[in-house]
Amino acid sequence: MRTYVFNNMTFYGAPNKYVRFKGGKARRIAIALAGLLIGAVNGIFGAGGGMLAVPALSFIAGYDDRKAHATAIAVILPLCLISSLVYSLRGSFDFAVVLPTAIGVLLGGGVGAALLKRLPIDSLSFIFYGLMLLAGIKMLT
């Protein structure tokens, strides 16, 4: 396993493709800064923080894809609740659509969480980054 020192922060290469921060203080600062960026993106766009949280958790915390996805979901839940509250107070969404959409999202979330354990890591990465790529292409058109 290789060790890297950059700007007084130590990184070490895990046996797989992930590189992570080693050391408490630098790691906590990096995670907090990533959280700030993720929260801002989620607040601006109404979603999408998870798309940034997964790669951040892979790089900073060294999590494999399954753990990064599961942790991102746990982090995004309170963030989405806060964003929803702010949007609700500003009258930014249609309440008639919230309940049917929420039912679908809850059912889909359960199915997705069950699939997370069953999908091979490589397939999970391919699907996730493929969706990110498609979302980026859609935003450009």
Protein backbone atom coordinates (compact mmCIF):
# COMPACT_ATOMS: atom_id res chain seq x y z
CA MET A 1 0.00 0.00 0.00
CA ARG A 2 1.45 3.36 -1.03
CA THR A 3 1.53 6.39 1.23
CA TYR A 4 1.37 9.92 -0.19
CA VAL A 5 2.07 13.17 1.62
CA PHE A 6 0.66 16.33 0.10
CA ASN A 7 0.58 19.70 1.85
CA ASN A 8 1.13 18.10 5.28
CA MET A 9 -1.81 15.70 4.74
CA THR A 10 -1.17 11.98 4.47
CA PHE A 11 -3.07 9.90 1.94
CA TYR A 12 -2.79 6.20 1.48
CA GLY A 13 -3.86 4.00 -1.37
CA ALA A 14 -6.26 1.23 -0.48
CA PRO A 15 -5.88 -2.12 -2.23
CA ASN A 16 -8.56 -1.01 -4.71
CA LYS A 17 -8.94 2.22 -6.70
CA TYR A 18 -9.79 4.43 -3.73
CA VAL A 19 -7.50 6.97 -2.12
CA ARG A 20 -8.47 8.32 1.27
CA PHE A 21 -7.43 10.81 3.85
CA LYS A 22 -5.54 9.41 6.80
CA GLY A 23 -5.67 11.28 10.05
CA GLY A 24 -8.50 12.70 12.06
CA LYS A 25 -8.37 16.48 11.72
CA ALA A 26 -7.60 16.73 7.99
CA ARG A 27 -10.23 14.11 7.24
CA ARG A 28 -12.91 15.85 9.31
CA ILE A 29 -12.15 19.19 7.67
CA ALA A 30 -12.27 17.63 4.19
CA ILE A 31 -15.58 15.91 4.98
CA ALA A 32 -17.05 19.14 6.38
CA LEU A 33 -15.98 21.11 3.29
CA ALA A 34 -17.41 18.44 1.01
CA GLY A 35 -20.61 18.53 3.07
CA LEU A 36 -20.83 22.30 2.62
CA LEU A 37 -20.52 21.95 -1.15
CA ILE A 38 -23.00 19.05 -1.25
CA GLY A 39 -25.51 20.99 0.84
CA ALA A 40 -25.21 24.06 -1.37
CA VAL A 41 -25.70 22.01 -4.55
CA ASN A 42 -28.70 20.23 -3.06
CA GLY A 43 -30.19 23.53 -1.90
CA ILE A 44 -29.70 25.24 -5.26
CA PHE A 45 -30.92 22.42 -7.48
CA GLY A 46 -33.38 20.80 -5.07
CA ALA A 47 -31.50 17.51 -5.36
CA GLY A 48 -28.25 16.16 -6.69
CA GLY A 49 -26.27 16.27 -3.48
CA GLY A 50 -26.05 12.49 -3.50
CA MET A 51 -24.37 12.59 -6.88
CA LEU A 52 -21.55 14.52 -5.24
CA ALA A 53 -21.68 12.75 -1.89
CA VAL A 54 -20.88 9.31 -3.32
CA PRO A 55 -17.59 10.29 -5.00
CA ALA A 56 -16.67 12.48 -2.00
CA LEU A 57 -17.22 9.62 0.42
CA SER A 58 -15.26 7.27 -1.82
CA PHE A 59 -12.30 9.64 -2.01
CA ILE A 60 -12.28 11.23 1.44
CA ALA A 61 -13.51 8.36 3.61
CA GLY A 62 -12.25 5.57 1.36
CA TYR A 63 -15.64 3.86 1.32
CA ASP A 64 -16.44 1.26 -1.29
CA ASP A 65 -19.37 2.08 -3.57
CA ARG A 66 -22.01 0.28 -1.48
CA LYS A 67 -21.02 2.02 1.74
CA ALA A 68 -20.66 5.38 -0.04
CA HIS A 69 -24.16 5.09 -1.56
CA ALA A 70 -25.75 4.03 1.72
CA THR A 71 -24.00 6.80 3.67
CA ALA A 72 -24.91 9.38 1.02
CA ILE A 73 -28.57 8.45 1.36
CA ALA A 74 -28.39 8.82 5.14
CA VAL A 75 -26.70 12.23 4.77
CA ILE A 76 -29.06 13.48 2.06
CA LEU A 77 -32.27 12.68 3.97
CA PRO A 78 -32.00 15.51 6.53
CA LEU A 79 -30.64 17.80 3.83
CA CYS A 80 -33.67 17.15 1.63
CA LEU A 81 -36.01 17.72 4.58
CA ILE A 82 -34.44 21.13 5.25
CA SER A 83 -34.50 22.06 1.55
CA SER A 84 -38.13 20.93 1.31
CA LEU A 85 -39.08 23.07 4.29
CA VAL A 86 -37.45 26.14 2.75
CA TYR A 87 -39.07 25.50 -0.63
CA SER A 88 -42.43 24.88 1.07
CA LEU A 89 -42.29 28.15 2.98
CA ARG A 90 -41.62 29.97 -0.28
CA GLY A 91 -44.48 28.19 -2.09
CA SER A 92 -42.09 26.70 -4.61
CA PHE A 93 -43.81 23.35 -5.23
CA ASP A 94 -47.25 21.92 -5.91
CA PHE A 95 -48.63 20.05 -2.90
CA ALA A 96 -51.03 18.06 -5.13
CA VAL A 97 -48.05 16.27 -6.64
CA VAL A 98 -46.15 15.65 -3.40
CA LEU A 99 -48.12 12.67 -2.04
CA PRO A 100 -48.25 10.54 -5.20
CA THR A 101 -44.61 11.28 -5.92
CA ALA A 102 -43.61 10.52 -2.32
CA ILE A 103 -45.36 7.14 -2.48
CA GLY A 104 -43.48 6.24 -5.65
CA VAL A 105 -40.19 7.48 -4.26
CA LEU A 106 -40.62 5.50 -1.03
CA LEU A 107 -41.42 2.29 -2.91
CA GLY A 108 -38.56 2.87 -5.35
CA GLY A 109 -36.19 3.65 -2.49
CA GLY A 110 -37.02 0.35 -0.82
CA VAL A 111 -36.44 -1.57 -4.05
CA GLY A 112 -33.20 0.32 -4.70
CA ALA A 113 -31.91 -0.29 -1.16
CA ALA A 114 -32.62 -4.01 -1.54
CA LEU A 115 -30.81 -4.07 -4.90
CA LEU A 116 -27.81 -2.20 -3.48
CA LYS A 117 -26.69 -5.31 -1.57
CA ARG A 118 -27.23 -7.59 -4.54
CA LEU A 119 -25.61 -5.63 -7.36
CA PRO A 120 -21.93 -6.27 -8.06
CA ILE A 121 -19.75 -3.26 -7.22
CA ASP A 122 -18.65 -2.82 -10.83
CA SER A 123 -22.26 -2.80 -12.06
CA LEU A 124 -23.22 -0.32 -9.36
CA SER A 125 -20.40 2.03 -10.37
CA PHE A 126 -21.26 1.68 -14.06
CA ILE A 127 -24.95 2.47 -13.44
CA PHE A 128 -24.21 5.39 -11.11
CA TYR A 129 -21.65 7.10 -13.32
CA GLY A 130 -23.72 6.35 -16.41
CA LEU A 131 -26.67 8.15 -14.83
CA MET A 132 -24.41 11.07 -13.93
CA LEU A 133 -23.20 11.23 -17.52
CA LEU A 134 -26.76 11.14 -18.90
CA ALA A 135 -27.84 13.84 -16.46
CA GLY A 136 -24.92 16.02 -17.58
CA ILE A 137 -25.75 15.51 -21.24
CA LYS A 138 -29.41 16.32 -20.55
CA MET A 139 -28.42 19.55 -18.81
CA LEU A 140 -26.40 20.59 -21.86
CA THR A 141 -29.33 20.11 -24.26
